[in-house]
Protein backbone atom coordinates (compact mmCIF):
# COMPACT_ATOMS: atom_id res chain seq x y z
CA MET A 1 58.54 38.29 -22.02
CA LEU A 2 59.41 41.31 -20.05
CA GLY A 3 55.79 42.39 -20.36
CA ILE A 4 54.60 39.17 -18.76
CA LEU A 5 57.01 39.56 -15.87
CA ARG A 6 55.78 43.11 -15.28
CA ALA A 7 52.15 41.98 -15.47
CA LEU A 8 52.74 38.93 -13.23
CA PRO A 9 52.32 40.80 -9.90
CA LEU A 10 49.11 42.33 -11.22
CA ILE A 11 47.86 38.93 -12.40
CA LEU A 12 48.75 37.38 -9.02
CA LEU A 13 47.01 40.24 -7.21
CA LEU A 14 43.87 39.86 -9.33
CA GLY A 15 44.00 36.05 -8.90
CA GLY A 16 44.31 36.44 -5.13
CA LEU A 17 41.40 38.90 -5.03
CA ALA A 18 39.28 36.56 -7.15
CA TYR A 19 40.15 33.60 -4.88
CA GLY A 20 39.31 35.63 -1.74
CA ALA A 21 36.03 36.82 -3.24
CA HIS A 22 35.17 33.27 -4.21
CA ASN A 23 35.87 31.98 -0.65
CA TRP A 24 33.87 34.81 0.91
CA ILE A 25 30.85 34.17 -1.36
CA VAL A 26 31.01 30.39 -0.82
CA ASN A 27 31.26 30.79 2.99
CA ARG A 28 28.31 33.16 3.00
CA LEU A 29 26.22 30.76 0.94
CA GLU A 30 27.19 27.80 3.17
CA THR A 31 26.10 29.82 6.22
CA GLN A 32 22.76 30.52 4.57
CA ILE A 33 22.39 26.81 3.80
CA GLU A 34 23.04 25.93 7.45
CA VAL A 35 20.48 28.51 8.65
CA GLN A 36 17.90 27.21 6.18
CA GLN A 37 18.59 23.60 7.22
CA ARG A 38 17.96 24.53 10.88
CA GLN A 39 14.73 26.24 9.83
CA ILE A 40 13.70 23.13 7.90
CA ASP A 41 14.38 20.97 10.96
CA VAL A 42 12.30 23.26 13.19
CA LEU A 43 9.47 23.35 10.66
CA ASN A 44 9.52 19.55 10.36
CA GLN A 45 9.24 19.24 14.15
CA GLN A 46 6.35 21.70 14.18
CA ASN A 47 4.69 19.80 11.33
CA VAL A 48 4.87 16.54 13.31
CA ALA A 49 3.39 18.27 16.36
CA LEU A 50 0.58 19.79 14.27
CA GLN A 51 -0.19 16.45 12.63
CA SER A 52 -0.50 14.71 16.00
CA ALA A 53 -2.71 17.55 17.26
CA ALA A 54 -4.88 17.24 14.15
CA GLU A 55 -5.23 13.47 14.71
CA GLN A 56 -6.17 14.07 18.34
CA ASN A 57 -8.73 16.69 17.28
CA GLU A 58 -10.25 14.30 14.75
CA ALA A 59 -10.53 11.59 17.41
CA THR A 60 -12.17 14.06 19.78
CA ILE A 61 -14.64 15.12 17.09
CA ARG A 62 -15.52 11.47 16.37
CA ASN A 63 -16.06 10.85 20.11
CA MET A 64 -18.21 13.95 20.42
CA GLU A 65 -20.30 12.94 17.39
CA ALA A 66 -20.82 9.45 18.83
CA ARG A 67 -21.77 10.91 22.21
CA ALA A 68 -24.20 13.35 20.55
CA LYS A 69 -25.78 10.48 18.63
CA GLN A 70 -26.11 8.50 21.86
CA GLN A 71 -27.70 11.50 23.57
CA VAL A 72 -30.20 11.92 20.73
CA GLU A 73 -31.17 8.25 21.10
CA GLN A 74 -31.56 8.65 24.86
CA ILE A 75 -33.66 11.80 24.42
CA THR A 76 -35.86 9.95 21.93
CA GLN A 77 -36.32 7.11 24.39
CA LEU A 78 -37.12 9.52 27.21
CA THR A 79 -39.58 11.42 25.02
CA THR A 80 -41.31 8.18 24.10
CA ALA A 81 -41.45 7.13 27.76
CA ALA A 82 -42.80 10.55 28.76
CA SER A 83 -45.50 10.28 26.11
CA GLU A 84 -46.47 6.85 27.40
CA TRP A 85 -46.60 8.19 30.97
CA GLU A 86 -48.81 11.07 29.85
CA ASP A 87 -51.16 8.58 28.17
CA GLN A 88 -51.27 6.51 31.36
CA ALA A 89 -51.99 9.63 33.41
CA LYS A 90 -54.86 10.53 31.08
CA GLU A 91 -56.20 6.99 31.35
CA TYR A 92 -56.05 7.09 35.14
CA MET A 93 -57.70 10.51 35.23
CA SER A 94 -60.52 9.19 33.04
CA ILE A 95 -61.04 6.33 35.52
CA PHE A 96 -61.44 8.85 38.32
CA ALA A 97 -63.77 10.95 36.21
CA ASN A 98 -65.96 7.97 35.19
CA HIS A 99 -66.41 6.35 38.62
CA ASN A 100 -67.99 7.46 41.86
CA PHE A 101 -65.36 6.23 44.29
CA THR A 102 -67.10 7.70 47.29
CA ARG A 103 -70.13 5.46 46.73
CA LEU A 104 -67.91 2.43 46.02
CA ALA A 105 -65.84 3.10 49.12
CA ARG A 106 -68.98 3.16 51.29
CA LEU A 107 -70.28 -0.08 49.75
CA ARG A 108 -66.97 -2.02 49.82
CA PRO A 109 -64.38 -0.20 51.93
CA ASP A 110 -61.85 -3.10 52.11
CA THR A 111 -61.75 -3.62 48.35
CA ILE A 112 -61.21 0.04 47.48
CA GLU A 113 -58.55 0.51 50.18
CA ARG A 114 -56.62 -2.62 49.10
CA GLN A 115 -56.77 -1.64 45.42
CA ALA A 116 -55.67 1.92 46.17
CA ASN A 117 -52.77 0.68 48.32
CA ASP A 118 -51.68 -1.84 45.66
CA ALA A 119 -51.86 0.77 42.90
CA THR A 120 -49.97 3.31 45.03
CA LYS A 121 -47.25 0.73 45.80
CA ALA A 122 -46.94 -0.12 42.08
CA VAL A 123 -46.54 3.57 41.20
CA PHE A 124 -43.89 4.11 43.89
CA ASP A 125 -42.01 0.97 42.78
CA SER A 126 -42.05 2.25 39.19
CA VAL A 127 -40.76 5.68 40.28
CA GLU A 128 -37.96 4.05 42.29
CA ALA A 129 -36.96 1.85 39.33
CA ASP A 130 -36.94 4.86 37.01
CA SER A 131 -34.86 6.83 39.51
CA ARG A 132 -32.33 4.00 39.75
CA GLU A 133 -32.12 3.83 35.96
CA ILE A 134 -31.54 7.59 35.68
CA GLU A 135 -28.91 7.44 38.45
CA GLU A 136 -27.09 4.65 36.57
CA LEU A 137 -27.13 6.72 33.37
CA ASN A 138 -25.73 9.72 35.24
CA ASN A 139 -22.96 7.58 36.77
CA GLU A 140 -21.75 6.13 33.46
CA PRO A 141 -18.14 7.15 32.69
CA GLN A 142 -17.90 10.00 30.22
CA ASP A 143 -15.56 9.63 27.19
CA ASN A 144 -13.39 12.70 26.69
């Protein structure tokens, strides 16, 4: 029994050291857990921000693809119209090449002048209509 009483201060000292070491280790680990929890919170916030940015980017890409498709359709329409205008120009040039307008103008001056004025007015009206159409296309609101 005397041996236990002599060893008791040593046992208490070792028990106290073990308890202190245990508290120190647990406190350190709890601090690490708190730091990691804050990092998780920050990363979750960043993840939400990145997801919303990705959704916005996808919407922008879809809008750009739709706009590009629309532009391709408009270019196709304009190309077709230009081809038709070139064909008309060739047709009109062949009329000039196949007729002697000087002789016709001397024989029937009123008829030639009236027809030329009517045709010129029709061409100018067509150019004005096309210009208005192009202006309306240019003034359409752009989707961003």
